Amino acid sequence: MEAEMDFSSINWLAVVACVVVSMISGGLWFGPKTFFPAWWKAIGKTEKDTPGGDNMAVMWGGTVLASFVQAVSMAIMVNYMGKSSGGATLASGAMAGFMLWFGFVAATRLTNELFAGQSKAWVLEPGSHFINFILFGAILGAWH
């Protein structure tokens, strides 16, 4: 099996759906009634501090761009990993999302947090990505 990035196999509508899902799940995860207050405190911020600083357009633009890059990368991986098992499915996509999150996001974030001394934030930040990566994989696996 030859390794190649096949952008023609990407379902771009599914990628857009993943970006929308990530904005919704991120809003729920880091909402004022859910984990935002605990996360804000864990990273050393106070009520006086403003999320995103002075440039909200850059913050939200970067967030949407990052989600798009993650969804495209996930689509390539789900399609590639699905080739070895007869095709991507919702279950294989969700498993690919989990493994990519576990192997790259969780492990990298843990290392960063251990060196930064902010281990309380580690549980909250990768948790949002955990949900997104599994949802991305499931969407892209089911809708290819």
Protein backbone atom coordinates (compact mmCIF):
# COMPACT_ATOMS: atom_id res chain seq x y z
CA MET A 1 0.00 0.00 0.00
CA GLU A 2 1.52 3.29 -1.09
CA ALA A 3 1.31 6.19 1.37
CA GLU A 4 -0.02 9.40 -0.11
CA MET A 5 -2.16 12.32 0.90
CA ASP A 6 -5.30 12.11 -1.16
CA PHE A 7 -7.20 15.36 -0.79
CA SER A 8 -9.71 14.23 -3.40
CA SER A 9 -11.03 11.59 -0.99
CA ILE A 10 -11.95 14.22 1.61
CA ASN A 11 -15.62 14.93 2.13
CA TRP A 12 -15.39 18.70 2.48
CA LEU A 13 -18.96 18.99 3.76
CA ALA A 14 -18.04 16.59 6.57
CA VAL A 15 -14.97 18.74 7.32
CA VAL A 16 -17.20 21.82 7.61
CA ALA A 17 -19.56 19.83 9.86
CA CYS A 18 -16.56 18.96 12.07
CA VAL A 19 -15.61 22.63 12.36
CA VAL A 20 -19.18 23.53 13.36
CA VAL A 21 -19.29 20.65 15.85
CA SER A 22 -16.01 21.79 17.39
CA MET A 23 -17.32 25.33 17.86
CA ILE A 24 -20.46 23.98 19.55
CA SER A 25 -18.65 21.43 21.73
CA GLY A 26 -15.96 23.95 22.66
CA GLY A 27 -18.63 26.47 23.64
CA LEU A 28 -20.32 23.87 25.80
CA TRP A 29 -17.08 22.54 27.32
CA PHE A 30 -15.71 25.98 28.14
CA GLY A 31 -19.03 27.62 28.95
CA PRO A 32 -19.51 29.84 31.99
CA LYS A 33 -21.60 27.14 33.69
CA THR A 34 -19.25 24.26 32.83
CA PHE A 35 -15.43 24.22 32.84
CA PHE A 36 -14.48 27.81 31.97
CA PRO A 37 -14.28 29.10 35.55
CA ALA A 38 -12.12 26.17 36.72
CA TRP A 39 -9.89 26.36 33.62
CA TRP A 40 -9.51 30.15 33.89
CA LYS A 41 -8.42 29.80 37.51
CA ALA A 42 -6.09 26.85 36.71
CA ILE A 43 -4.18 28.93 34.14
CA GLY A 44 -3.77 31.77 36.62
CA LYS A 45 -6.31 34.23 35.21
CA THR A 46 -8.65 36.42 37.22
CA GLU A 47 -12.07 37.94 36.50
CA LYS A 48 -10.26 41.12 35.37
CA ASP A 49 -8.57 39.24 32.50
CA THR A 50 -10.29 39.00 29.13
CA PRO A 51 -10.18 35.76 27.12
CA GLY A 52 -8.36 36.30 23.84
CA GLY A 53 -6.94 39.64 24.86
CA ASP A 54 -7.72 42.67 22.75
CA ASN A 55 -8.14 40.99 19.38
CA MET A 56 -11.19 38.71 19.36
CA ALA A 57 -11.08 38.39 15.54
CA VAL A 58 -7.61 36.85 15.69
CA MET A 59 -8.66 34.55 18.54
CA TRP A 60 -11.79 33.25 16.77
CA GLY A 61 -10.18 33.22 13.33
CA GLY A 62 -7.28 31.19 14.68
CA THR A 63 -9.66 28.86 16.51
CA VAL A 64 -11.70 28.17 13.36
CA LEU A 65 -8.51 27.74 11.29
CA ALA A 66 -7.06 25.30 13.84
CA SER A 67 -10.30 23.31 13.85
CA PHE A 68 -10.30 23.22 10.04
CA VAL A 69 -6.69 21.98 9.94
CA GLN A 70 -7.51 19.31 12.54
CA ALA A 71 -10.58 18.17 10.57
CA VAL A 72 -8.68 17.96 7.26
CA SER A 73 -5.82 16.08 8.93
CA MET A 74 -8.29 13.76 10.62
CA ALA A 75 -10.06 13.13 7.30
CA ILE A 76 -6.79 12.09 5.70
CA MET A 77 -5.93 9.79 8.62
CA VAL A 78 -9.42 8.25 8.86
CA ASN A 79 -9.45 7.57 5.12
CA TYR A 80 -5.94 6.16 5.18
CA MET A 81 -6.51 4.02 8.27
CA GLY A 82 -9.83 2.81 6.85
CA LYS A 83 -8.10 1.44 3.75
CA SER A 84 -6.44 -1.29 5.81
CA SER A 85 -9.77 -2.50 7.23
CA GLY A 86 -12.02 -2.40 4.19
CA GLY A 87 -13.18 1.20 4.54
CA ALA A 88 -13.77 3.82 7.16
CA THR A 89 -16.82 3.53 9.39
CA LEU A 90 -18.25 5.54 12.26
CA ALA A 91 -16.59 3.14 14.75
CA SER A 92 -13.20 3.00 13.02
CA GLY A 93 -13.25 6.79 12.61
CA ALA A 94 -14.03 7.31 16.29
CA MET A 95 -11.23 4.90 17.22
CA ALA A 96 -8.82 6.73 14.91
CA GLY A 97 -9.85 9.99 16.58
CA PHE A 98 -9.26 8.51 20.01
CA MET A 99 -5.85 7.10 19.10
CA LEU A 100 -4.72 10.35 17.50
CA TRP A 101 -5.89 12.30 20.54
CA PHE A 102 -4.30 9.85 23.00
CA GLY A 103 -1.00 9.54 21.15
CA PHE A 104 -0.47 13.15 20.17
CA VAL A 105 -2.73 15.60 21.99
CA ALA A 106 -2.92 14.04 25.47
CA ALA A 107 0.72 12.97 25.60
CA THR A 108 2.03 16.30 24.28
CA ARG A 109 -0.20 18.38 26.54
CA LEU A 110 0.76 16.29 29.58
CA THR A 111 4.45 16.88 28.91
CA ASN A 112 3.88 20.61 28.44
CA GLU A 113 1.80 20.90 31.59
CA LEU A 114 4.27 18.93 33.71
CA PHE A 115 7.10 21.25 32.71
CA ALA A 116 4.90 24.36 33.13
CA GLY A 117 3.65 23.19 36.52
CA GLN A 118 -0.02 23.61 35.54
CA SER A 119 -1.22 20.02 35.82
CA LYS A 120 -4.73 21.16 36.86
CA ALA A 121 -5.27 22.67 33.41
CA TRP A 122 -4.15 19.43 31.72
CA VAL A 123 -7.39 17.65 32.52
CA LEU A 124 -9.57 20.46 31.18
CA GLU A 125 -7.78 21.49 27.99
CA PRO A 126 -7.24 18.08 26.36
CA GLY A 127 -10.75 17.05 27.43
CA SER A 128 -12.24 19.39 24.86
CA HIS A 129 -9.96 17.95 22.18
CA PHE A 130 -10.84 14.42 23.31
CA ILE A 131 -14.48 15.06 22.50
CA ASN A 132 -13.67 16.81 19.23
CA PHE A 133 -11.26 14.16 17.95
CA ILE A 134 -13.70 11.33 18.62
CA LEU A 135 -16.59 13.28 17.06
CA PHE A 136 -14.43 14.28 14.08
CA GLY A 137 -13.37 10.69 13.51
CA ALA A 138 -16.94 9.39 13.83
CA ILE A 139 -18.32 12.04 11.45
CA LEU A 140 -15.54 11.56 8.90
CA GLY A 141 -15.66 7.77 9.14
CA ALA A 142 -19.43 7.59 8.73
CA TRP A 143 -19.71 10.35 6.12
CA HIS A 144 -17.02 9.64 3.55
